[in-house]
């Protein structure tokens, strides 16, 4: 077992939660990257690709991801990251604009 496995295993209740956390970490990095760190066109492509992918989730899958994001936001101590988590469902197309 690696140090990552030991450190991360108890944190997540499911594989879905672990993958959601990893996705958020990647997107948080991309959102916060300067042009010198990541090409802005590539960043937009990744963000749009994720929005497209989550837009294809079933209603149950969307609900599960939204719930996980809410749990993650409630546990987040960094105000900027908490705001990112709270805005994720709308920003990435998990909720309908008409709601």
N, C-alpha and C. Protein backbone atom coordinates (compact mmCIF):
# COMPACT_ATOMS: atom_id res chain seq x y z
N UNK A 1 0.85 -1.17 0.00
CA UNK A 1 0.00 0.00 0.00
C UNK A 1 0.89 1.24 0.00
N UNK A 2 0.59 2.22 -0.87
CA UNK A 2 1.38 3.44 -0.93
C UNK A 2 0.89 4.43 0.10
N UNK A 3 1.69 5.48 0.31
CA UNK A 3 1.28 6.51 1.27
C UNK A 3 0.01 7.21 0.82
N UNK A 4 -0.22 7.33 -0.51
CA UNK A 4 -1.46 7.95 -1.00
C UNK A 4 -2.67 7.11 -0.63
N UNK A 5 -2.55 5.80 -0.78
CA UNK A 5 -3.66 4.91 -0.44
C UNK A 5 -3.99 4.98 1.05
N UNK A 6 -2.96 5.02 1.88
CA UNK A 6 -3.18 5.10 3.32
C UNK A 6 -3.82 6.43 3.68
N UNK A 7 -3.35 7.50 3.06
CA UNK A 7 -3.85 8.83 3.39
C UNK A 7 -5.26 9.07 2.86
N UNK A 8 -5.60 8.50 1.72
CA UNK A 8 -6.87 8.83 1.08
C UNK A 8 -8.00 7.85 1.36
N UNK A 9 -7.70 6.62 1.64
CA UNK A 9 -8.76 5.62 1.78
C UNK A 9 -9.83 6.00 2.80
N UNK A 10 -9.49 6.41 4.01
CA UNK A 10 -10.53 6.68 4.99
C UNK A 10 -11.36 7.94 4.69
N UNK A 11 -10.87 8.80 3.81
CA UNK A 11 -11.54 10.07 3.56
C UNK A 11 -12.83 9.92 2.75
N UNK A 12 -12.93 8.88 1.96
CA UNK A 12 -14.03 8.78 1.01
C UNK A 12 -14.93 7.59 1.31
N UNK A 13 -16.21 7.83 1.25
CA UNK A 13 -17.18 6.78 1.54
C UNK A 13 -17.40 5.85 0.35
N UNK A 14 -16.99 6.30 -0.84
CA UNK A 14 -17.20 5.49 -2.04
C UNK A 14 -16.20 5.88 -3.12
N UNK A 15 -16.10 5.03 -4.11
CA UNK A 15 -15.27 5.35 -5.27
C UNK A 15 -15.81 6.60 -5.95
N UNK A 16 -17.12 6.72 -6.04
CA UNK A 16 -17.73 7.89 -6.66
C UNK A 16 -17.28 9.17 -5.96
N UNK A 17 -17.26 9.14 -4.63
CA UNK A 17 -16.83 10.32 -3.86
C UNK A 17 -15.36 10.62 -4.15
N UNK A 18 -14.53 9.60 -4.18
CA UNK A 18 -13.10 9.80 -4.47
C UNK A 18 -12.89 10.39 -5.86
N UNK A 19 -13.62 9.88 -6.84
CA UNK A 19 -13.50 10.39 -8.21
C UNK A 19 -14.04 11.81 -8.34
N UNK A 20 -15.13 12.12 -7.64
CA UNK A 20 -15.65 13.47 -7.65
C UNK A 20 -14.64 14.44 -7.05
N UNK A 21 -14.00 14.03 -5.97
CA UNK A 21 -12.99 14.87 -5.33
C UNK A 21 -11.80 15.08 -6.27
N UNK A 22 -11.39 14.04 -6.98
CA UNK A 22 -10.28 14.17 -7.93
C UNK A 22 -10.65 15.10 -9.07
N UNK A 23 -11.87 14.97 -9.58
CA UNK A 23 -12.35 15.85 -10.65
C UNK A 23 -12.35 17.30 -10.19
N UNK A 24 -12.86 17.54 -9.00
CA UNK A 24 -12.89 18.90 -8.46
C UNK A 24 -11.47 19.45 -8.32
N UNK A 25 -10.54 18.63 -7.83
CA UNK A 25 -9.15 19.07 -7.69
C UNK A 25 -8.56 19.51 -9.03
N UNK A 26 -8.79 18.72 -10.07
CA UNK A 26 -8.27 19.04 -11.39
C UNK A 26 -8.90 20.34 -11.91
N UNK A 27 -10.21 20.45 -11.79
CA UNK A 27 -10.90 21.63 -12.29
C UNK A 27 -10.55 22.88 -11.48
N UNK A 28 -10.37 22.73 -10.19
CA UNK A 28 -9.95 23.83 -9.31
C UNK A 28 -8.57 24.33 -9.76
N UNK A 29 -7.66 23.39 -10.07
CA UNK A 29 -6.34 23.76 -10.56
C UNK A 29 -6.45 24.52 -11.87
N UNK A 30 -7.24 24.00 -12.81
CA UNK A 30 -7.38 24.63 -14.12
C UNK A 30 -7.99 26.02 -13.98
N UNK A 31 -9.03 26.15 -13.19
CA UNK A 31 -9.68 27.44 -12.99
C UNK A 31 -8.71 28.48 -12.42
N UNK A 32 -7.81 28.04 -11.55
CA UNK A 32 -6.88 28.95 -10.90
C UNK A 32 -5.57 29.15 -11.62
N UNK A 33 -5.38 28.47 -12.73
CA UNK A 33 -4.10 28.54 -13.45
C UNK A 33 -3.98 29.85 -14.22
N UNK A 34 -2.76 30.35 -14.21
CA UNK A 34 -2.43 31.52 -15.02
C UNK A 34 -2.07 31.04 -16.42
N UNK A 35 -2.06 31.96 -17.37
CA UNK A 35 -1.73 31.61 -18.75
C UNK A 35 -0.34 30.98 -18.87
N UNK A 36 0.58 31.37 -17.97
CA UNK A 36 1.92 30.81 -18.01
C UNK A 36 1.93 29.34 -17.55
N UNK A 37 0.95 28.95 -16.77
CA UNK A 37 0.87 27.59 -16.26
C UNK A 37 0.15 26.65 -17.23
N UNK A 38 -0.87 27.18 -17.90
CA UNK A 38 -1.68 26.35 -18.79
C UNK A 38 -2.24 27.23 -19.89
N UNK A 39 -2.17 26.73 -21.10
CA UNK A 39 -2.72 27.45 -22.23
C UNK A 39 -4.22 27.66 -22.02
N UNK A 40 -4.68 28.88 -22.19
CA UNK A 40 -6.09 29.19 -21.91
C UNK A 40 -7.04 28.45 -22.85
N UNK A 41 -6.64 28.23 -24.09
CA UNK A 41 -7.49 27.46 -25.02
C UNK A 41 -7.63 26.02 -24.55
N UNK A 42 -6.53 25.43 -24.08
CA UNK A 42 -6.58 24.07 -23.56
C UNK A 42 -7.45 24.00 -22.30
N UNK A 43 -7.34 25.01 -21.45
CA UNK A 43 -8.14 25.05 -20.23
C UNK A 43 -9.62 25.09 -20.57
N UNK A 44 -9.99 25.91 -21.52
CA UNK A 44 -11.40 26.02 -21.94
C UNK A 44 -11.89 24.69 -22.50
N UNK A 45 -11.06 24.03 -23.29
CA UNK A 45 -11.44 22.73 -23.86
C UNK A 45 -11.72 21.71 -22.76
N UNK A 46 -10.86 21.69 -21.74
CA UNK A 46 -11.06 20.74 -20.64
C UNK A 46 -12.34 21.07 -19.90
N UNK A 47 -12.54 22.34 -19.56
CA UNK A 47 -13.73 22.74 -18.81
C UNK A 47 -15.01 22.46 -19.60
N UNK A 48 -14.99 22.76 -20.89
CA UNK A 48 -16.16 22.47 -21.72
C UNK A 48 -16.39 20.97 -21.85
N UNK A 49 -15.31 20.19 -21.93
CA UNK A 49 -15.44 18.74 -22.02
C UNK A 49 -16.08 18.16 -20.77
N UNK A 50 -15.68 18.66 -19.62
CA UNK A 50 -16.27 18.20 -18.36
C UNK A 50 -17.74 18.60 -18.30
N UNK A 51 -18.05 19.83 -18.68
CA UNK A 51 -19.44 20.27 -18.69
C UNK A 51 -20.29 19.40 -19.61
N UNK A 52 -19.75 19.03 -20.75
CA UNK A 52 -20.47 18.15 -21.68
C UNK A 52 -20.68 16.77 -21.05
N UNK A 53 -19.63 16.24 -20.45
CA UNK A 53 -19.71 14.92 -19.84
C UNK A 53 -20.75 14.89 -18.72
N UNK A 54 -20.68 15.83 -17.80
CA UNK A 54 -21.63 15.80 -16.69
C UNK A 54 -23.04 16.13 -17.17
N UNK A 55 -23.14 16.83 -18.28
CA UNK A 55 -24.45 17.09 -18.87
C UNK A 55 -25.13 15.83 -19.39
N UNK A 56 -24.35 14.79 -19.63
CA UNK A 56 -24.87 13.52 -20.14
C UNK A 56 -25.22 12.53 -19.01
N UNK A 57 -24.96 12.90 -17.76
CA UNK A 57 -25.28 12.01 -16.64
C UNK A 57 -26.78 11.84 -16.50
N UNK A 58 -27.19 10.69 -15.99
CA UNK A 58 -28.61 10.47 -15.72
C UNK A 58 -29.04 11.36 -14.56
N UNK A 59 -30.32 11.49 -14.37
CA UNK A 59 -30.85 12.29 -13.28
C UNK A 59 -30.34 11.80 -11.92
N UNK A 60 -30.33 10.48 -11.74
CA UNK A 60 -29.82 9.91 -10.49
C UNK A 60 -28.34 10.21 -10.29
N UNK A 61 -27.57 10.11 -11.37
CA UNK A 61 -26.13 10.39 -11.28
C UNK A 61 -25.88 11.87 -10.97
N UNK A 62 -26.66 12.74 -11.60
CA UNK A 62 -26.55 14.18 -11.32
C UNK A 62 -26.86 14.45 -9.85
N UNK A 63 -27.92 13.87 -9.37
CA UNK A 63 -28.31 14.07 -7.98
C UNK A 63 -27.22 13.59 -7.02
N UNK A 64 -26.64 12.45 -7.33
CA UNK A 64 -25.57 11.92 -6.49
C UNK A 64 -24.37 12.86 -6.49
N UNK A 65 -23.98 13.35 -7.67
CA UNK A 65 -22.84 14.25 -7.77
C UNK A 65 -23.12 15.58 -7.06
N UNK A 66 -24.32 16.10 -7.23
CA UNK A 66 -24.69 17.35 -6.55
C UNK A 66 -24.63 17.16 -5.03
N UNK A 67 -25.12 16.02 -4.55
CA UNK A 67 -25.05 15.73 -3.12
C UNK A 67 -23.62 15.65 -2.62
N UNK A 68 -22.75 14.98 -3.39
CA UNK A 68 -21.34 14.89 -3.02
C UNK A 68 -20.68 16.26 -2.99
N UNK A 69 -21.00 17.09 -3.98
CA UNK A 69 -20.44 18.43 -4.02
C UNK A 69 -20.89 19.25 -2.82
N UNK A 70 -22.15 19.08 -2.42
CA UNK A 70 -22.66 19.76 -1.23
C UNK A 70 -21.93 19.32 0.03
N UNK A 71 -21.70 18.02 0.14
CA UNK A 71 -20.96 17.48 1.28
C UNK A 71 -19.54 18.03 1.30
N UNK A 72 -18.91 18.05 0.14
CA UNK A 72 -17.55 18.56 0.04
C UNK A 72 -17.50 20.05 0.38
N UNK A 73 -18.49 20.82 -0.09
CA UNK A 73 -18.52 22.25 0.19
C UNK A 73 -18.70 22.51 1.68
N UNK A 74 -19.56 21.74 2.32
CA UNK A 74 -19.81 21.92 3.75
C UNK A 74 -18.56 21.63 4.58
N UNK A 75 -17.71 20.74 4.10
CA UNK A 75 -16.50 20.36 4.83
C UNK A 75 -15.30 21.23 4.46
N UNK A 76 -15.43 22.08 3.45
CA UNK A 76 -14.30 22.86 2.95
C UNK A 76 -14.02 24.08 3.83
N UNK A 77 -12.76 24.25 4.23
CA UNK A 77 -12.39 25.37 5.08
C UNK A 77 -11.91 26.59 4.28
N UNK A 78 -11.50 26.39 3.03
CA UNK A 78 -11.05 27.49 2.18
C UNK A 78 -12.28 28.15 1.55
N UNK A 79 -12.56 29.43 1.88
CA UNK A 79 -13.77 30.08 1.36
C UNK A 79 -13.84 30.11 -0.17
N UNK A 80 -12.73 30.33 -0.84
CA UNK A 80 -12.75 30.39 -2.30
C UNK A 80 -13.07 29.02 -2.90
N UNK A 81 -12.48 27.98 -2.34
CA UNK A 81 -12.76 26.63 -2.83
C UNK A 81 -14.19 26.22 -2.50
N UNK A 82 -14.69 26.61 -1.32
CA UNK A 82 -16.08 26.33 -0.96
C UNK A 82 -17.02 26.99 -1.97
N UNK A 83 -16.73 28.23 -2.34
CA UNK A 83 -17.55 28.93 -3.32
C UNK A 83 -17.51 28.21 -4.67
N UNK A 84 -16.34 27.72 -5.06
CA UNK A 84 -16.20 26.95 -6.30
C UNK A 84 -17.07 25.70 -6.25
N UNK A 85 -17.01 24.98 -5.12
CA UNK A 85 -17.82 23.77 -4.95
C UNK A 85 -19.31 24.08 -4.98
N UNK A 86 -19.71 25.16 -4.32
CA UNK A 86 -21.13 25.52 -4.29
C UNK A 86 -21.63 25.94 -5.67
N UNK A 87 -20.76 26.55 -6.47
CA UNK A 87 -21.15 26.98 -7.81
C UNK A 87 -20.99 25.91 -8.88
N UNK A 88 -20.35 24.80 -8.54
CA UNK A 88 -20.08 23.75 -9.51
C UNK A 88 -21.33 23.23 -10.21
N UNK A 89 -22.39 22.88 -9.47
CA UNK A 89 -23.57 22.31 -10.16
C UNK A 89 -24.12 23.22 -11.26
N UNK A 90 -24.23 24.50 -10.98
CA UNK A 90 -24.74 25.41 -11.99
C UNK A 90 -23.69 25.68 -13.07
N UNK A 91 -22.46 25.90 -12.65
CA UNK A 91 -21.39 26.24 -13.59
C UNK A 91 -21.07 25.14 -14.58
N UNK A 92 -21.30 23.90 -14.20
CA UNK A 92 -20.99 22.79 -15.09
C UNK A 92 -22.23 22.10 -15.62
N UNK A 93 -23.38 22.76 -15.54
CA UNK A 93 -24.59 22.26 -16.17
C UNK A 93 -25.29 21.10 -15.50
N UNK A 94 -25.08 20.94 -14.18
CA UNK A 94 -25.76 19.85 -13.48
C UNK A 94 -27.19 20.20 -13.10
N UNK A 95 -27.50 21.48 -13.07
CA UNK A 95 -28.87 21.90 -12.72
C UNK A 95 -29.42 22.71 -13.90
N UNK A 96 -30.72 22.60 -14.08
CA UNK A 96 -31.39 23.34 -15.15
C UNK A 96 -31.48 24.81 -14.77
N UNK A 97 -31.28 25.69 -15.74
CA UNK A 97 -31.39 27.13 -15.51
C UNK A 97 -32.83 27.53 -15.15
N UNK A 98 -33.78 26.75 -15.59
CA UNK A 98 -35.19 27.09 -15.38
C UNK A 98 -35.68 26.78 -13.98
N UNK A 99 -34.85 26.10 -13.18
CA UNK A 99 -35.29 25.69 -11.83
C UNK A 99 -35.36 26.88 -10.92
